[in-house]
């Protein structure tokens, strides 16, 4: 009887979904002992991973995270109470609100990026630095092709 082996590679959705799961789990573990991200739970990464530099409407946060509006509102409320987010009037629509990062929120983003850098270093060591860089550049090229404006919506945190 022949031993059954899995496919040579998983479909792209399973690859990305599983890598995101592993990434978020590792980020959560690192964040537990980190200063500047107190009270942030793994579920909050849905907000921090999708919020844009100039602010984002609650409905967009929910859509982009594939979450219900009420579930996203609960996460935003929690982060607002912790001082990471605030609601501001949307200058393009006076009836709408933008969810924006506070200075404390930007500090959390900076700390998150530091932790992400550690994770990326570990992943690059596991795969090999040059293979990891080629992988990331290929993914960036694909994202730029499929959603050309998205890269510019994530700005570097202010100093």
C-alpha atoms as a PDB file:
ATOM      1  CA  UNK A   1       0.000   0.000   0.000  1.00  0.00           C
ATOM      2  CA  UNK A   2       1.336   3.403  -0.987  1.00  0.00           C
ATOM      3  CA  UNK A   3       1.480   6.179   1.575  1.00  0.00           C
ATOM      4  CA  UNK A   4      -0.685   9.106   0.538  1.00  0.00           C
ATOM      5  CA  UNK A   5       1.116  12.423   0.409  1.00  0.00           C
ATOM      6  CA  UNK A   6      -0.613  15.763   0.403  1.00  0.00           C
ATOM      7  CA  UNK A   7      -0.555  18.101  -2.569  1.00  0.00           C
ATOM      8  CA  UNK A   8       2.741  19.662  -3.607  1.00  0.00           C
ATOM      9  CA  UNK A   9       1.385  22.932  -2.274  1.00  0.00           C
ATOM     10  CA  UNK A  10      -1.876  24.141  -0.814  1.00  0.00           C
ATOM     11  CA  UNK A  11      -4.135  26.490  -2.768  1.00  0.00           C
ATOM     12  CA  UNK A  12      -3.220  30.151  -2.297  1.00  0.00           C
ATOM     13  CA  UNK A  13      -6.176  30.873  -0.009  1.00  0.00           C
ATOM     14  CA  UNK A  14      -5.162  28.101   2.378  1.00  0.00           C
ATOM     15  CA  UNK A  15      -1.529  29.207   2.266  1.00  0.00           C
ATOM     16  CA  UNK A  16      -2.409  32.822   3.066  1.00  0.00           C
ATOM     17  CA  UNK A  17      -5.058  31.934   5.647  1.00  0.00           C
ATOM     18  CA  UNK A  18      -2.783  29.575   7.560  1.00  0.00           C
ATOM     19  CA  UNK A  19       0.183  31.933   7.440  1.00  0.00           C
ATOM     20  CA  UNK A  20      -2.026  34.755   8.711  1.00  0.00           C
ATOM     21  CA  UNK A  21      -3.234  32.497  11.552  1.00  0.00           C
ATOM     22  CA  UNK A  22       0.363  31.643  12.524  1.00  0.00           C
ATOM     23  CA  UNK A  23       1.457  35.271  12.187  1.00  0.00           C
ATOM     24  CA  UNK A  24      -1.352  36.570  14.407  1.00  0.00           C
ATOM     25  CA  UNK A  25      -0.726  33.894  17.031  1.00  0.00           C
ATOM     26  CA  UNK A  26       2.973  34.760  17.184  1.00  0.00           C
ATOM     27  CA  UNK A  27       2.245  38.491  17.287  1.00  0.00           C
ATOM     28  CA  UNK A  28      -0.220  37.969  20.140  1.00  0.00           C
ATOM     29  CA  UNK A  29       2.322  35.969  22.162  1.00  0.00           C
ATOM     30  CA  UNK A  30       5.015  38.606  21.640  1.00  0.00           C
ATOM     31  CA  UNK A  31       2.571  41.392  22.485  1.00  0.00           C
ATOM     32  CA  UNK A  32       1.657  39.857  25.843  1.00  0.00           C
ATOM     33  CA  UNK A  33       5.015  40.900  27.313  1.00  0.00           C
ATOM     34  CA  UNK A  34       5.478  44.088  25.329  1.00  0.00           C
ATOM     35  CA  UNK A  35       5.119  47.652  26.600  1.00  0.00           C
ATOM     36  CA  UNK A  36       2.773  50.010  24.754  1.00  0.00           C
ATOM     37  CA  UNK A  37       0.166  47.468  23.723  1.00  0.00           C
ATOM     38  CA  UNK A  38      -1.512  46.856  27.066  1.00  0.00           C
ATOM     39  CA  UNK A  39      -5.038  45.504  26.837  1.00  0.00           C
ATOM     40  CA  UNK A  40      -4.789  44.657  23.140  1.00  0.00           C
ATOM     41  CA  UNK A  41      -6.267  41.232  22.434  1.00  0.00           C
ATOM     42  CA  UNK A  42      -5.674  39.089  19.340  1.00  0.00           C
ATOM     43  CA  UNK A  43      -9.135  40.055  18.021  1.00  0.00           C
ATOM     44  CA  UNK A  44      -8.035  43.711  18.015  1.00  0.00           C
ATOM     45  CA  UNK A  45      -5.574  42.856  15.249  1.00  0.00           C
ATOM     46  CA  UNK A  46      -8.596  42.925  12.920  1.00  0.00           C
ATOM     47  CA  UNK A  47      -8.736  46.679  13.531  1.00  0.00           C
ATOM     48  CA  UNK A  48      -5.015  47.434  13.549  1.00  0.00           C
ATOM     49  CA  UNK A  49      -4.523  45.383  10.386  1.00  0.00           C
ATOM     50  CA  UNK A  50      -7.124  47.261   8.366  1.00  0.00           C
ATOM     51  CA  UNK A  51      -7.299  50.829   9.689  1.00  0.00           C
ATOM     52  CA  UNK A  52      -5.895  53.411   7.300  1.00  0.00           C
ATOM     53  CA  UNK A  53      -3.568  56.239   8.285  1.00  0.00           C
ATOM     54  CA  UNK A  54      -6.168  58.969   7.699  1.00  0.00           C
ATOM     55  CA  UNK A  55      -8.925  57.016   9.444  1.00  0.00           C
ATOM     56  CA  UNK A  56     -11.490  54.480   8.317  1.00  0.00           C
ATOM     57  CA  UNK A  57     -15.253  54.206   8.548  1.00  0.00           C
ATOM     58  CA  UNK A  58     -16.595  51.491  10.811  1.00  0.00           C
ATOM     59  CA  UNK A  59     -18.438  49.858   7.906  1.00  0.00           C
ATOM     60  CA  UNK A  60     -15.178  49.590   5.921  1.00  0.00           C
ATOM     61  CA  UNK A  61     -13.303  48.112   8.899  1.00  0.00           C
ATOM     62  CA  UNK A  62     -16.034  45.491   9.218  1.00  0.00           C
ATOM     63  CA  UNK A  63     -16.118  44.732   5.484  1.00  0.00           C
ATOM     64  CA  UNK A  64     -12.347  44.475   5.102  1.00  0.00           C
ATOM     65  CA  UNK A  65     -12.100  42.219   8.156  1.00  0.00           C
ATOM     66  CA  UNK A  66     -15.035  40.058   7.021  1.00  0.00           C
ATOM     67  CA  UNK A  67     -16.804  40.774  10.304  1.00  0.00           C
ATOM     68  CA  UNK A  68     -20.285  41.891  11.217  1.00  0.00           C
ATOM     69  CA  UNK A  69     -20.763  45.576  11.890  1.00  0.00           C
ATOM     70  CA  UNK A  70     -21.749  44.884  15.506  1.00  0.00           C
ATOM     71  CA  UNK A  71     -18.662  42.716  16.141  1.00  0.00           C
ATOM     72  CA  UNK A  72     -16.368  45.377  14.680  1.00  0.00           C
ATOM     73  CA  UNK A  73     -18.145  48.098  16.674  1.00  0.00           C
ATOM     74  CA  UNK A  74     -17.444  46.116  19.838  1.00  0.00           C
ATOM     75  CA  UNK A  75     -13.728  45.919  19.004  1.00  0.00           C
ATOM     76  CA  UNK A  76     -13.573  49.621  18.150  1.00  0.00           C
ATOM     77  CA  UNK A  77     -15.429  50.527  21.362  1.00  0.00           C
ATOM     78  CA  UNK A  78     -12.959  48.463  23.352  1.00  0.00           C
ATOM     79  CA  UNK A  79      -9.938  50.084  21.703  1.00  0.00           C
ATOM     80  CA  UNK A  80     -11.496  53.517  22.138  1.00  0.00           C
ATOM     81  CA  UNK A  81     -11.938  52.873  25.871  1.00  0.00           C
ATOM     82  CA  UNK A  82      -8.287  51.786  26.060  1.00  0.00           C
ATOM     83  CA  UNK A  83      -7.261  55.072  24.386  1.00  0.00           C
ATOM     84  CA  UNK A  84      -5.968  53.631  21.105  1.00  0.00           C
ATOM     85  CA  UNK A  85      -8.741  54.964  18.835  1.00  0.00           C
ATOM     86  CA  UNK A  86     -11.136  57.866  18.588  1.00  0.00           C
ATOM     87  CA  UNK A  87     -14.104  58.740  16.418  1.00  0.00           C
ATOM     88  CA  UNK A  88     -13.965  61.951  14.396  1.00  0.00           C
ATOM     89  CA  UNK A  89     -16.327  63.533  11.890  1.00  0.00           C
ATOM     90  CA  UNK A  90     -15.657  62.376   8.326  1.00  0.00           C
ATOM     91  CA  UNK A  91     -14.773  65.540   6.349  1.00  0.00           C
ATOM     92  CA  UNK A  92     -16.212  63.965   3.183  1.00  0.00           C
ATOM     93  CA  UNK A  93     -19.597  63.219   4.827  1.00  0.00           C
ATOM     94  CA  UNK A  94     -20.763  65.157   7.863  1.00  0.00           C
ATOM     95  CA  UNK A  95     -23.106  62.344   8.907  1.00  0.00           C
ATOM     96  CA  UNK A  96     -20.357  59.722   9.045  1.00  0.00           C
ATOM     97  CA  UNK A  97     -17.543  59.149  11.527  1.00  0.00           C
ATOM     98  CA  UNK A  98     -13.972  58.095  10.890  1.00  0.00           C
ATOM     99  CA  UNK A  99     -12.201  55.777  13.278  1.00  0.00           C
ATOM    100  CA  UNK A 100      -8.701  57.193  13.769  1.00  0.00           C
ATOM    101  CA  UNK A 101      -5.628  56.273  15.763  1.00  0.00           C
ATOM    102  CA  UNK A 102      -4.762  58.391  18.774  1.00  0.00           C
ATOM    103  CA  UNK A 103      -1.138  59.066  19.670  1.00  0.00           C
ATOM    104  CA  UNK A 104      -1.360  56.007  21.942  1.00  0.00           C
ATOM    105  CA  UNK A 105      -2.697  54.073  18.955  1.00  0.00           C
ATOM    106  CA  UNK A 106       0.235  55.188  16.821  1.00  0.00           C
ATOM    107  CA  UNK A 107       2.591  54.102  19.631  1.00  0.00           C
ATOM    108  CA  UNK A 108       0.928  50.676  19.525  1.00  0.00           C
ATOM    109  CA  UNK A 109       1.429  50.607  15.742  1.00  0.00           C
ATOM    110  CA  UNK A 110       5.123  51.425  16.220  1.00  0.00           C
ATOM    111  CA  UNK A 111       5.489  48.659  18.804  1.00  0.00           C
ATOM    112  CA  UNK A 112       3.562  46.285  16.573  1.00  0.00           C
ATOM    113  CA  UNK A 113       5.897  47.031  13.685  1.00  0.00           C
ATOM    114  CA  UNK A 114       8.878  46.316  15.938  1.00  0.00           C
ATOM    115  CA  UNK A 115       7.357  42.971  16.906  1.00  0.00           C
ATOM    116  CA  UNK A 116       6.483  42.239  13.268  1.00  0.00           C
ATOM    117  CA  UNK A 117      10.119  42.913  12.374  1.00  0.00           C
ATOM    118  CA  UNK A 118      11.138  40.225  14.873  1.00  0.00           C
ATOM    119  CA  UNK A 119       8.646  37.784  13.377  1.00  0.00           C
ATOM    120  CA  UNK A 120       9.827  38.558   9.856  1.00  0.00           C
ATOM    121  CA  UNK A 121      13.442  38.002  10.890  1.00  0.00           C
ATOM    122  CA  UNK A 122      12.528  34.595  12.251  1.00  0.00           C
ATOM    123  CA  UNK A 123      10.550  33.671   9.151  1.00  0.00           C
ATOM    124  CA  UNK A 124      13.390  34.875   6.904  1.00  0.00           C
ATOM    125  CA  UNK A 125      15.839  32.740   8.854  1.00  0.00           C
ATOM    126  CA  UNK A 126      13.537  29.722   8.494  1.00  0.00           C
ATOM    127  CA  UNK A 127      13.127  30.149   4.727  1.00  0.00           C
ATOM    128  CA  UNK A 128      16.420  31.838   3.908  1.00  0.00           C
ATOM    129  CA  UNK A 129      16.776  35.596   3.668  1.00  0.00           C
ATOM    130  CA  UNK A 130      16.812  35.827  -0.125  1.00  0.00           C
ATOM    131  CA  UNK A 131      13.897  33.395  -0.631  1.00  0.00           C
ATOM    132  CA  UNK A 132      11.867  35.273   1.985  1.00  0.00           C
ATOM    133  CA  UNK A 133      12.567  38.624   0.299  1.00  0.00           C
ATOM    134  CA  UNK A 134      11.591  37.221  -3.120  1.00  0.00           C
ATOM    135  CA  UNK A 135       8.377  35.847  -1.594  1.00  0.00           C
ATOM    136  CA  UNK A 136       7.485  39.198   0.000  1.00  0.00           C
ATOM    137  CA  UNK A 137       8.308  41.173  -3.143  1.00  0.00           C
ATOM    138  CA  UNK A 138       6.190  38.789  -5.220  1.00  0.00           C
ATOM    139  CA  UNK A 139       3.268  39.195  -2.838  1.00  0.00           C
ATOM    140  CA  UNK A 140       3.705  42.986  -2.935  1.00  0.00           C
ATOM    141  CA  UNK A 141       3.735  42.948  -6.742  1.00  0.00           C
ATOM    142  CA  UNK A 142       0.555  40.855  -6.775  1.00  0.00           C
ATOM    143  CA  UNK A 143      -1.170  43.184  -4.302  1.00  0.00           C
ATOM    144  CA  UNK A 144      -0.090  46.247  -6.294  1.00  0.00           C
ATOM    145  CA  UNK A 145      -1.537  44.659  -9.435  1.00  0.00           C
ATOM    146  CA  UNK A 146      -4.830  43.603  -7.839  1.00  0.00           C
ATOM    147  CA  UNK A 147      -5.369  46.686  -5.633  1.00  0.00           C
ATOM    148  CA  UNK A 148      -3.065  49.456  -6.928  1.00  0.00           C
ATOM    149  CA  UNK A 149      -3.906  52.140  -4.386  1.00  0.00           C
ATOM    150  CA  UNK A 150      -3.792  50.126  -1.194  1.00  0.00           C
ATOM    151  CA  UNK A 151      -0.067  50.475  -0.485  1.00  0.00           C
ATOM    152  CA  UNK A 152      -0.321  54.264  -0.282  1.00  0.00           C
ATOM    153  CA  UNK A 153      -3.093  54.084   2.307  1.00  0.00           C
ATOM    154  CA  UNK A 154      -0.758  52.694   4.961  1.00  0.00           C
ATOM    155  CA  UNK A 155       1.583  55.423   5.996  1.00  0.00           C
ATOM    156  CA  UNK A 156       4.480  55.288   8.388  1.00  0.00           C
ATOM    157  CA  UNK A 157       3.557  56.310  11.924  1.00  0.00           C
ATOM    158  CA  UNK A 158       4.534  59.899  12.738  1.00  0.00           C
ATOM    159  CA  UNK A 159       7.726  60.304  14.778  1.00  0.00           C
END
